[in-house]
Amino acid sequence: MNRFILLILILPLASTINAQDSNTLVNRGNQYYQQSQFDVAEIMYRKALKDNNKNFAAQFNLANSLQMQKKYEDAINVLERLADNTNEASLKSSVYYNEGVAYTKSKDLEKSIEYYKKALVYNPTDKEARENLQKALLELKQQQQQKKNQQNQNKKQQKMDDKDAQQKLKMLEQKEKELQQRLQNQNKQKGNGQREDW
C-alpha cells in the first residue's frame, strides 16, 4: 500500500503568495484524496506544481494519486525525480518505498526489489518495506521456477516430438520395405509362370 503523507504539514510555511497558493491547492488535493477522488486530487496537485514546481508535498502526493488511478508509469516518473529533491532520510525512504510499490503493481519485480532495498537503506526498521521486499523476492523466485519448469516441459515435449517423429519415420520405412517386398513377390510370380501353348 502507498504511503500517503500529508506532507504539507511538514514543510515550513512559505512567505510568498505563490507558495501559499500552492500549499492551499495541496491541502485541497489531500481532501479529495481522502475522499477517494484521486482524479480530482491529481488535478489539484498539478495546479499546485504550476504555482510552485518544487513543492515536495505536491509531487509526492501527485505520485500517490497517480498510483491509486493505476497510472504506475506516470507515478514512477514523478517519484524518480523526487528522491533527489530531499536529504531527509524518512522522506527518501517513503519515496523509494512508493516507487517499489509502483514497480510491483506494474509487474517489474526486479525493479521493485531494488527500490524496497533503497527504502530500507534510509529506514532499516521499515517493517512494510521489509515485508514487501520478501514478498517480491518470493514471487520473483516462483516466476523464475515456473519459467524453468516451462522450459523443461518444452524440452521434454520437443524430445518426445523428435522421438515420435523417429518412430513414425521407422514405421513408414518398414511399410515401404514391406510394400517393395510384396511388389517384388508379385513380379516374381508373374514372371515365373510358364507360358502355355494352346
Protein backbone atom coordinates (compact mmCIF):
# COMPACT_ATOMS: atom_id res chain seq x y z
CA MET A 1 0.00 0.00 0.00
CA ASN A 2 1.20 3.51 -0.75
CA ARG A 3 2.20 5.83 1.98
CA PHE A 4 0.07 8.88 1.76
CA ILE A 5 1.51 11.52 3.99
CA LEU A 6 0.07 14.95 4.38
CA LEU A 7 3.48 16.37 3.68
CA ILE A 8 2.23 19.92 3.65
CA LEU A 9 2.27 19.86 7.44
CA ILE A 10 5.96 19.03 7.49
CA LEU A 11 7.10 21.80 5.18
CA PRO A 12 7.88 25.25 6.57
CA LEU A 13 5.42 27.99 5.78
CA ALA A 14 6.47 29.91 2.73
CA SER A 15 6.49 33.65 2.72
CA THR A 16 5.41 34.15 -0.85
CA ILE A 17 1.84 34.23 -2.06
CA ASN A 18 2.64 31.66 -4.75
CA ALA A 19 3.81 29.17 -2.14
CA GLN A 20 0.69 29.79 -0.05
CA ASP A 21 -1.49 29.24 -3.11
CA SER A 22 0.45 26.08 -3.85
CA ASN A 23 0.05 24.81 -0.28
CA THR A 24 -3.68 25.61 -0.37
CA LEU A 25 -4.02 23.56 -3.56
CA VAL A 26 -2.10 20.68 -1.96
CA ASN A 27 -4.45 20.79 1.04
CA ARG A 28 -7.46 20.69 -1.30
CA GLY A 29 -5.87 17.82 -3.18
CA ASN A 30 -5.39 15.99 0.12
CA GLN A 31 -9.08 16.41 0.91
CA TYR A 32 -10.07 14.94 -2.45
CA TYR A 33 -7.54 12.15 -1.98
CA GLN A 34 -9.02 11.24 1.40
CA GLN A 35 -12.46 11.11 -0.25
CA SER A 36 -11.03 8.68 -2.84
CA GLN A 37 -11.49 11.22 -5.62
CA PHE A 38 -8.00 10.54 -6.94
CA ASP A 39 -8.53 12.12 -10.36
CA VAL A 40 -9.60 15.44 -8.81
CA ALA A 41 -6.75 15.22 -6.29
CA GLU A 42 -4.35 14.76 -9.20
CA ILE A 43 -5.66 17.97 -10.79
CA MET A 44 -5.17 19.90 -7.54
CA TYR A 45 -1.60 18.63 -7.11
CA ARG A 46 -0.78 19.51 -10.72
CA LYS A 47 -2.16 23.01 -10.20
CA ALA A 48 -0.04 23.34 -7.06
CA LEU A 49 3.01 22.35 -9.08
CA LYS A 50 2.23 25.01 -11.67
CA ASP A 51 2.40 27.58 -8.88
CA ASN A 52 5.50 26.03 -7.31
CA ASN A 53 7.18 23.23 -9.24
CA LYS A 54 9.46 22.43 -6.29
CA ASN A 55 6.65 21.70 -3.85
CA PHE A 56 7.73 18.31 -2.47
CA ALA A 57 4.33 17.53 -0.94
CA ALA A 58 2.55 18.21 -4.23
CA GLN A 59 4.93 15.92 -6.11
CA PHE A 60 4.78 13.14 -3.54
CA ASN A 61 1.01 13.23 -3.24
CA LEU A 62 0.63 13.51 -7.04
CA ALA A 63 2.55 10.26 -7.38
CA ASN A 64 0.24 8.65 -4.81
CA SER A 65 -2.88 9.83 -6.62
CA LEU A 66 -1.49 8.50 -9.91
CA GLN A 67 -0.85 5.10 -8.34
CA MET A 68 -4.34 4.98 -6.95
CA GLN A 69 -5.58 5.50 -10.51
CA LYS A 70 -3.29 2.66 -11.68
CA LYS A 71 -1.12 5.06 -13.66
CA TYR A 72 2.01 3.35 -12.42
CA GLU A 73 4.39 4.55 -15.12
CA ASP A 74 3.38 8.17 -14.55
CA ALA A 75 3.79 7.73 -10.79
CA ILE A 76 7.25 6.23 -11.29
CA ASN A 77 8.26 9.20 -13.45
CA VAL A 78 7.26 11.62 -10.68
CA LEU A 79 8.97 9.55 -7.98
CA GLU A 80 12.20 9.16 -9.98
CA ARG A 81 12.84 12.89 -9.78
CA LEU A 82 11.55 13.28 -6.24
CA ALA A 83 14.13 11.27 -4.30
CA ASP A 84 16.86 13.70 -5.31
CA ASN A 85 14.86 16.66 -4.00
CA THR A 86 15.24 15.84 -0.31
CA ASN A 87 18.00 14.99 2.11
CA GLU A 88 15.64 13.79 4.83
CA ALA A 89 16.05 10.02 5.25
CA SER A 90 12.42 9.30 6.18
CA LEU A 91 11.14 11.13 3.09
CA LYS A 92 13.66 9.39 0.82
CA SER A 93 12.60 6.07 2.30
CA SER A 94 8.93 6.83 1.64
CA VAL A 95 9.67 7.87 -1.94
CA TYR A 96 11.65 4.69 -2.60
CA TYR A 97 9.01 2.56 -0.90
CA ASN A 98 6.25 4.00 -3.09
CA GLU A 99 8.41 3.52 -6.14
CA GLY A 100 8.83 -0.11 -5.13
CA VAL A 101 5.05 -0.44 -4.86
CA ALA A 102 4.57 1.11 -8.30
CA TYR A 103 7.05 -1.33 -9.84
CA THR A 104 5.40 -4.24 -8.05
CA LYS A 105 1.99 -3.28 -9.40
CA SER A 106 3.40 -2.82 -12.90
CA LYS A 107 4.82 -6.37 -12.63
CA ASP A 108 8.50 -5.36 -12.68
CA LEU A 109 9.63 -7.34 -9.66
CA GLU A 110 13.35 -6.82 -10.17
CA LYS A 111 12.93 -3.04 -10.06
CA SER A 112 10.55 -3.24 -7.11
CA ILE A 113 13.13 -5.27 -5.18
CA GLU A 114 15.75 -2.63 -5.97
CA TYR A 115 13.57 0.18 -4.61
CA TYR A 116 12.45 -1.68 -1.48
CA LYS A 117 16.13 -2.20 -0.71
CA LYS A 118 16.77 1.52 -1.23
CA ALA A 119 13.91 2.32 1.15
CA LEU A 120 15.48 0.06 3.75
CA VAL A 121 18.84 1.80 3.38
CA TYR A 122 17.22 5.03 4.55
CA ASN A 123 14.94 3.39 7.11
CA PRO A 124 16.21 -0.07 8.16
CA THR A 125 13.33 -0.51 10.62
CA ASP A 126 10.63 -0.12 7.95
CA LYS A 127 8.52 -3.24 8.50
CA GLU A 128 6.33 -2.73 5.41
CA ALA A 129 9.31 -2.28 3.10
CA ARG A 130 10.90 -5.42 4.51
CA GLU A 131 7.68 -7.44 4.11
CA ASN A 132 7.13 -6.19 0.56
CA LEU A 133 10.75 -6.94 -0.28
CA GLN A 134 10.32 -10.51 0.98
CA LYS A 135 7.08 -10.93 -0.99
CA ALA A 136 8.68 -9.57 -4.16
CA LEU A 137 11.72 -11.84 -3.75
CA LEU A 138 9.47 -14.86 -3.20
CA GLU A 139 7.27 -14.00 -6.19
CA LEU A 140 10.32 -13.46 -8.40
CA LYS A 141 11.73 -16.82 -7.30
CA GLN A 142 8.39 -18.50 -8.10
CA GLN A 143 8.27 -16.84 -11.52
CA GLN A 144 11.81 -17.97 -12.28
CA GLN A 145 10.93 -21.51 -11.17
CA GLN A 146 7.81 -21.50 -13.35
CA LYS A 147 9.86 -20.28 -16.30
CA LYS A 148 12.44 -23.01 -15.70
CA ASN A 149 9.68 -25.65 -15.42
CA GLN A 150 8.12 -24.39 -18.65
CA GLN A 151 11.47 -24.55 -20.42
CA ASN A 152 11.99 -28.11 -19.14
CA GLN A 153 8.48 -29.03 -20.26
CA ASN A 154 9.15 -27.58 -23.71
CA LYS A 155 12.42 -29.55 -23.96
CA LYS A 156 10.66 -32.76 -22.93
CA GLN A 157 7.90 -32.09 -25.44
CA GLN A 158 10.45 -31.45 -28.15
CA LYS A 159 12.31 -34.67 -27.26
CA MET A 160 9.01 -36.53 -27.31
CA ASP A 161 8.12 -34.95 -30.64
CA ASP A 162 11.54 -35.90 -32.03
CA LYS A 163 11.22 -39.45 -30.67
CA ASP A 164 7.68 -39.71 -32.01
CA ALA A 165 8.81 -38.45 -35.41
CA GLN A 166 11.65 -41.02 -35.45
CA GLN A 167 9.21 -43.81 -34.63
CA LYS A 168 6.83 -42.71 -37.37
CA LEU A 169 9.68 -42.48 -39.84
CA LYS A 170 10.80 -46.02 -38.95
CA MET A 171 7.23 -47.26 -39.37
CA LEU A 172 6.99 -45.59 -42.77
CA GLU A 173 10.32 -47.08 -43.81
CA GLN A 174 9.15 -50.51 -42.64
CA LYS A 175 5.90 -50.18 -44.59
CA GLU A 176 7.86 -49.06 -47.64
CA LYS A 177 10.09 -52.13 -47.35
CA GLU A 178 7.05 -54.37 -46.97
CA LEU A 179 5.41 -52.78 -49.99
CA GLN A 180 8.59 -53.19 -52.06
CA GLN A 181 8.82 -56.81 -50.94
CA ARG A 182 5.22 -57.50 -51.97
CA LEU A 183 5.75 -55.86 -55.33
CA GLN A 184 8.85 -57.95 -55.93
CA ASN A 185 7.00 -61.09 -54.91
CA GLN A 186 4.13 -60.23 -57.26
CA ASN A 187 6.56 -59.57 -60.12
CA LYS A 188 8.33 -62.89 -59.47
CA GLN A 189 5.05 -64.74 -59.50
CA LYS A 190 4.07 -63.15 -62.80
CA GLY A 191 7.48 -63.74 -64.30
CA ASN A 192 7.90 -67.37 -63.13
CA GLY A 193 4.74 -68.60 -64.63
CA GLN A 194 5.29 -70.74 -67.81
CA ARG A 195 3.51 -69.81 -70.95
CA GLU A 196 1.22 -72.43 -72.17
CA ASP A 197 0.63 -73.15 -75.79
CA TRP A 198 -2.91 -73.55 -76.90
